Every structure is written in C-alpha cells, then in structure tokens.
Amino acid sequence: MLEIPEAHARSSEISTLLKDKQVSAVEVLSSPHKFAFFTDPVSCYPELLIDRRIEGARAQGGQIEMLFDRDLRLVLNDGINMRVLAPEAKRPLKHQLLLTLSDGSALCCSVQMYGGLHLYQSGENGNSYFQVARDKPNPLSSAFDADYFRSLIRSV
C-alpha cells in the first residue's frame, strides 16, 4: 500500500526523472489482474496517453497524481509498484501498465494485491479518498500543525 512518505518520495522521483518526457507507447494489462482497477474503458489508455508530455507528479495523501499536458491525470493508489526503467533495461513480462517514453526509458506499474491506475481529466476525479487527500492538510506539511491536530481530536 502506498503510504504518505512513499507517495511523496515517488512523486519527487517522477518529477525529477520523467518531467518533460513524452509517452511514445502504452501497454495495458500485459498480465491481467483481477484487482487492478482502471478507469473505464481501459482500451482508451493508449489513445489518451500517447504523445502526452509528463509535467510532473504530486502526492495526494497516499496517492500519486501524475500530471500530463492538456490537463490529463493518472492517479496511482494502494498496491501499485512503480519502477522507472532505463532505455537499455529489459522490460518485465508481467505488468498492468507500461509507459514507454520518448527517450526509450519507461515507467512500469504493477499491482501487488490490489491497486488503482485511474486516468481522468483534471477536476473530474470524484473519488472521495482522493478529494479528502487533496483538500485536507498533509501530515508532512506545516499546515498540519498542533492546532489542526487538536481540532481533529476535538471533532471525534
């Protein structure tokens, strides 16, 4: 399960290593997984992602929101294992999403037990967990201070 610190670290890695790279190929469900959850229809992922430029990523609680140009978003959550692969690296046979990038590198996402790989336009993600993570102060930020923490306790 993606935890808040891991989501922050991986978002930073994506923003550093993949920013401004363009998606040149997309493979979805090379290895089907009953608990890999996608936005329907999954067959649209290549059409929507190819030729998109990665603008960065940000943590939203324990979720990673990848930002693409033209306001496209890919949210990775729960049991998603991500690996950035060098251009010369052998691609794994089993994965649920593989984004090959313009320089030959790739982002490989595989589901451990269960996980979501949700693609949507900015502002269209209605998932309540995502919205709370986006709208409430992050425990790693200065906004999550003693006063905010006490307000949480008082509300219980």
C-alpha atoms as a PDB file:
ATOM      1  CA  MET A   1       0.000   0.000   0.000  1.00  0.00           C
ATOM      2  CA  LEU A   2       1.320   3.441  -0.857  1.00  0.00           C
ATOM      3  CA  GLU A   3       1.873   5.346   2.353  1.00  0.00           C
ATOM      4  CA  ILE A   4       2.214   9.121   2.580  1.00  0.00           C
ATOM      5  CA  PRO A   5       6.051   9.228   2.786  1.00  0.00           C
ATOM      6  CA  GLU A   6       6.424   6.808  -0.132  1.00  0.00           C
ATOM      7  CA  ALA A   7       3.919   8.757  -2.235  1.00  0.00           C
ATOM      8  CA  HIS A   8       5.954  11.927  -1.607  1.00  0.00           C
ATOM      9  CA  ALA A   9       9.253  10.253  -2.446  1.00  0.00           C
ATOM     10  CA  ARG A  10       7.938   8.578  -5.615  1.00  0.00           C
ATOM     11  CA  SER A  11       6.216  11.787  -6.768  1.00  0.00           C
ATOM     12  CA  SER A  12       9.502  13.618  -6.400  1.00  0.00           C
ATOM     13  CA  GLU A  13      11.319  10.901  -8.378  1.00  0.00           C
ATOM     14  CA  ILE A  14       8.776  11.076 -11.193  1.00  0.00           C
ATOM     15  CA  SER A  15       9.007  14.866 -11.292  1.00  0.00           C
ATOM     16  CA  THR A  16      12.805  14.721 -11.375  1.00  0.00           C
ATOM     17  CA  LEU A  17      13.383  11.754 -13.684  1.00  0.00           C
ATOM     18  CA  LEU A  18      10.420  11.878 -16.077  1.00  0.00           C
ATOM     19  CA  LYS A  19       9.435  15.541 -16.326  1.00  0.00           C
ATOM     20  CA  ASP A  20       9.100  16.779 -19.918  1.00  0.00           C
ATOM     21  CA  LYS A  21       9.372  13.276 -21.389  1.00  0.00           C
ATOM     22  CA  GLN A  22       6.695  12.282 -23.854  1.00  0.00           C
ATOM     23  CA  VAL A  23       4.780   8.996 -23.859  1.00  0.00           C
ATOM     24  CA  SER A  24       5.519   7.097 -27.076  1.00  0.00           C
ATOM     25  CA  ALA A  25       3.868   3.733 -26.333  1.00  0.00           C
ATOM     26  CA  VAL A  26       1.408   2.307 -23.804  1.00  0.00           C
ATOM     27  CA  GLU A  27       0.818  -1.304 -22.802  1.00  0.00           C
ATOM     28  CA  VAL A  28      -2.135  -2.057 -20.536  1.00  0.00           C
ATOM     29  CA  LEU A  29      -2.734  -5.362 -18.744  1.00  0.00           C
ATOM     30  CA  SER A  30       0.056  -7.400 -20.316  1.00  0.00           C
ATOM     31  CA  SER A  31      -0.689  -9.590 -17.327  1.00  0.00           C
ATOM     32  CA  PRO A  32      -4.364  -9.410 -16.332  1.00  0.00           C
ATOM     33  CA  HIS A  33      -5.002  -8.897 -12.626  1.00  0.00           C
ATOM     34  CA  LYS A  34      -8.461  -9.203 -11.024  1.00  0.00           C
ATOM     35  CA  PHE A  35      -7.693  -6.465  -8.516  1.00  0.00           C
ATOM     36  CA  ALA A  36      -6.141  -3.900 -10.863  1.00  0.00           C
ATOM     37  CA  PHE A  37      -8.691  -1.123 -11.100  1.00  0.00           C
ATOM     38  CA  PHE A  38      -8.754   1.219 -14.076  1.00  0.00           C
ATOM     39  CA  THR A  39     -10.995   3.975 -15.321  1.00  0.00           C
ATOM     40  CA  ASP A  40     -13.294   2.520 -17.958  1.00  0.00           C
ATOM     41  CA  PRO A  41     -12.730   1.895 -20.757  1.00  0.00           C
ATOM     42  CA  VAL A  42      -9.178   0.670 -20.243  1.00  0.00           C
ATOM     43  CA  SER A  43      -8.829   0.305 -24.030  1.00  0.00           C
ATOM     44  CA  CYS A  44      -8.653   4.135 -24.240  1.00  0.00           C
ATOM     45  CA  TYR A  45      -5.457   4.399 -22.189  1.00  0.00           C
ATOM     46  CA  PRO A  46      -3.093   4.214 -25.206  1.00  0.00           C
ATOM     47  CA  GLU A  47      -5.163   6.702 -27.211  1.00  0.00           C
ATOM     48  CA  LEU A  48      -5.287   9.151 -24.292  1.00  0.00           C
ATOM     49  CA  LEU A  49      -1.658   8.818 -23.143  1.00  0.00           C
ATOM     50  CA  ILE A  50       0.398   8.528 -26.340  1.00  0.00           C
ATOM     51  CA  ASP A  51       2.054  11.830 -27.284  1.00  0.00           C
ATOM     52  CA  ARG A  52       1.305  13.347 -23.863  1.00  0.00           C
ATOM     53  CA  ARG A  53       4.151  15.080 -22.037  1.00  0.00           C
ATOM     54  CA  ILE A  54       4.726  14.389 -18.341  1.00  0.00           C
ATOM     55  CA  GLU A  55       4.621  17.661 -16.425  1.00  0.00           C
ATOM     56  CA  GLY A  56       5.420  16.118 -13.041  1.00  0.00           C
ATOM     57  CA  ALA A  57       3.727  14.384 -10.160  1.00  0.00           C
ATOM     58  CA  ARG A  58       2.438  15.222  -6.710  1.00  0.00           C
ATOM     59  CA  ALA A  59       1.432  13.253  -3.673  1.00  0.00           C
ATOM     60  CA  GLN A  60      -2.181  13.464  -2.619  1.00  0.00           C
ATOM     61  CA  GLY A  61      -2.071  11.703   0.726  1.00  0.00           C
ATOM     62  CA  GLY A  62      -1.029   8.132  -0.028  1.00  0.00           C
ATOM     63  CA  GLN A  63      -1.797   8.513  -3.734  1.00  0.00           C
ATOM     64  CA  ILE A  64       0.350   9.726  -6.605  1.00  0.00           C
ATOM     65  CA  GLU A  65      -1.160  12.067  -9.151  1.00  0.00           C
ATOM     66  CA  MET A  66       0.867  12.161 -12.364  1.00  0.00           C
ATOM     67  CA  LEU A  67       0.340  15.352 -14.347  1.00  0.00           C
ATOM     68  CA  PHE A  68       0.312  15.271 -18.134  1.00  0.00           C
ATOM     69  CA  ASP A  69      -0.118  18.130 -20.553  1.00  0.00           C
ATOM     70  CA  ARG A  70      -3.621  19.118 -21.622  1.00  0.00           C
ATOM     71  CA  ASP A  71      -4.882  18.510 -18.059  1.00  0.00           C
ATOM     72  CA  LEU A  72      -4.718  14.696 -18.188  1.00  0.00           C
ATOM     73  CA  ARG A  73      -4.093  12.999 -14.819  1.00  0.00           C
ATOM     74  CA  LEU A  74      -3.101   9.455 -13.844  1.00  0.00           C
ATOM     75  CA  VAL A  75      -3.694   8.604 -10.175  1.00  0.00           C
ATOM     76  CA  LEU A  76      -1.851   5.598  -8.777  1.00  0.00           C
ATOM     77  CA  ASN A  77      -3.000   4.261  -5.418  1.00  0.00           C
ATOM     78  CA  ASP A  78      -2.879   1.417  -2.932  1.00  0.00           C
ATOM     79  CA  GLY A  79      -0.738  -1.518  -4.086  1.00  0.00           C
ATOM     80  CA  ILE A  80       0.920  -0.023  -7.148  1.00  0.00           C
ATOM     81  CA  ASN A  81       4.600  -0.873  -7.503  1.00  0.00           C
ATOM     82  CA  MET A  82       6.339   1.579  -9.842  1.00  0.00           C
ATOM     83  CA  ARG A  83       9.735   1.270 -11.480  1.00  0.00           C
ATOM     84  CA  VAL A  84      11.493   3.691 -13.774  1.00  0.00           C
ATOM     85  CA  LEU A  85      13.394   1.667 -16.359  1.00  0.00           C
ATOM     86  CA  ALA A  86      16.458   2.889 -18.234  1.00  0.00           C
ATOM     87  CA  PRO A  87      16.288   2.769 -22.051  1.00  0.00           C
ATOM     88  CA  GLU A  88      18.504  -0.329 -22.201  1.00  0.00           C
ATOM     89  CA  ALA A  89      16.742  -2.150 -19.335  1.00  0.00           C
ATOM     90  CA  LYS A  90      14.828  -5.308 -20.123  1.00  0.00           C
ATOM     91  CA  ARG A  91      11.080  -4.794 -19.803  1.00  0.00           C
ATOM     92  CA  PRO A  92       9.292  -7.136 -17.394  1.00  0.00           C
ATOM     93  CA  LEU A  93       6.833  -9.547 -18.968  1.00  0.00           C
ATOM     94  CA  LYS A  94       4.194  -9.007 -16.309  1.00  0.00           C
ATOM     95  CA  HIS A  95       2.805  -5.570 -15.557  1.00  0.00           C
ATOM     96  CA  GLN A  96      -0.506  -3.761 -15.578  1.00  0.00           C
ATOM     97  CA  LEU A  97       0.689  -0.502 -17.179  1.00  0.00           C
ATOM     98  CA  LEU A  98       3.879   0.262 -19.073  1.00  0.00           C
ATOM     99  CA  LEU A  99       4.532   3.750 -20.406  1.00  0.00           C
ATOM    100  CA  THR A 100       7.436   3.859 -22.845  1.00  0.00           C
ATOM    101  CA  LEU A 101       8.853   7.351 -23.136  1.00  0.00           C
ATOM    102  CA  SER A 102      10.394   9.305 -25.996  1.00  0.00           C
ATOM    103  CA  ASP A 103      13.977   8.697 -24.820  1.00  0.00           C
ATOM    104  CA  GLY A 104      13.434   4.922 -24.557  1.00  0.00           C
ATOM    105  CA  SER A 105      13.043   4.888 -20.776  1.00  0.00           C
ATOM    106  CA  ALA A 106       9.810   3.589 -19.273  1.00  0.00           C
ATOM    107  CA  LEU A 107       7.562   3.699 -16.249  1.00  0.00           C
ATOM    108  CA  CYS A 108       6.380   0.225 -15.286  1.00  0.00           C
ATOM    109  CA  CYS A 109       3.426  -0.149 -12.918  1.00  0.00           C
ATOM    110  CA  SER A 110       2.392  -3.466 -11.453  1.00  0.00           C
ATOM    111  CA  VAL A 111      -0.253  -4.304  -8.900  1.00  0.00           C
ATOM    112  CA  GLN A 112       0.743  -6.199  -5.786  1.00  0.00           C
ATOM    113  CA  MET A 113      -2.514  -7.227  -4.065  1.00  0.00           C
ATOM    114  CA  TYR A 114      -4.865  -4.541  -5.360  1.00  0.00           C
ATOM    115  CA  GLY A 115      -4.431  -1.069  -6.724  1.00  0.00           C
ATOM    116  CA  GLY A 116      -5.848   1.662  -8.886  1.00  0.00           C
ATOM    117  CA  LEU A 117      -4.488   3.244 -12.055  1.00  0.00           C
ATOM    118  CA  HIS A 118      -7.121   5.856 -12.784  1.00  0.00           C
ATOM    119  CA  LEU A 119      -6.948   8.160 -15.795  1.00  0.00           C
ATOM    120  CA  TYR A 120      -9.063  11.305 -15.917  1.00  0.00           C
ATOM    121  CA  GLN A 121      -9.135  14.960 -16.911  1.00  0.00           C
ATOM    122  CA  SER A 122      -8.172  17.471 -14.222  1.00  0.00           C
ATOM    123  CA  GLY A 123     -11.087  18.157 -11.882  1.00  0.00           C
ATOM    124  CA  GLU A 124     -13.058  15.051 -12.881  1.00  0.00           C
ATOM    125  CA  ASN A 125     -11.819  12.655 -10.191  1.00  0.00           C
ATOM    126  CA  GLY A 126     -14.837  12.096  -7.942  1.00  0.00           C
ATOM    127  CA  ASN A 127     -13.147   9.552  -5.666  1.00  0.00           C
ATOM    128  CA  SER A 128     -13.836  10.657  -2.086  1.00  0.00           C
ATOM    129  CA  TYR A 129     -10.484   9.365  -0.780  1.00  0.00           C
ATOM    130  CA  PHE A 130      -8.664  11.393  -3.413  1.00  0.00           C
ATOM    131  CA  GLN A 131     -10.703  14.509  -2.658  1.00  0.00           C
ATOM    132  CA  VAL A 132     -10.036  14.304   1.095  1.00  0.00           C
ATOM    133  CA  ALA A 133      -6.322  13.751   0.476  1.00  0.00           C
ATOM    134  CA  ARG A 134      -6.290  16.768  -1.841  1.00  0.00           C
ATOM    135  CA  ASP A 135      -8.353  19.087   0.362  1.00  0.00           C
ATOM    136  CA  LYS A 136      -7.067  18.379   3.882  1.00  0.00           C
ATOM    137  CA  PRO A 137      -3.616  19.356   5.218  1.00  0.00           C
ATOM    138  CA  ASN A 138      -0.967  16.759   4.530  1.00  0.00           C
ATOM    139  CA  PRO A 139       0.623  15.376   7.740  1.00  0.00           C
ATOM    140  CA  LEU A 140       4.056  16.155   6.256  1.00  0.00           C
ATOM    141  CA  SER A 141       3.242  19.829   5.666  1.00  0.00           C
ATOM    142  CA  SER A 142       3.466  22.812   8.005  1.00  0.00           C
ATOM    143  CA  ALA A 143      -0.337  23.209   7.706  1.00  0.00           C
ATOM    144  CA  PHE A 144      -0.700  20.011   9.748  1.00  0.00           C
ATOM    145  CA  ASP A 145       0.305  21.712  12.986  1.00  0.00           C
ATOM    146  CA  ALA A 146      -0.617  21.180  16.638  1.00  0.00           C
ATOM    147  CA  ASP A 147      -3.733  23.343  16.348  1.00  0.00           C
ATOM    148  CA  TYR A 148      -5.001  21.360  13.352  1.00  0.00           C
ATOM    149  CA  PHE A 149      -4.248  18.077  15.125  1.00  0.00           C
ATOM    150  CA  ARG A 150      -6.145  19.220  18.222  1.00  0.00           C
ATOM    151  CA  SER A 151      -9.104  20.178  16.045  1.00  0.00           C
ATOM    152  CA  LEU A 152      -9.186  16.604  14.723  1.00  0.00           C
ATOM    153  CA  ILE A 153      -9.253  15.198  18.245  1.00  0.00           C
ATOM    154  CA  ARG A 154     -11.994  17.618  19.329  1.00  0.00           C
ATOM    155  CA  SER A 155     -14.151  16.587  16.372  1.00  0.00           C
ATOM    156  CA  VAL A 156     -14.237  12.941  17.457  1.00  0.00           C
END
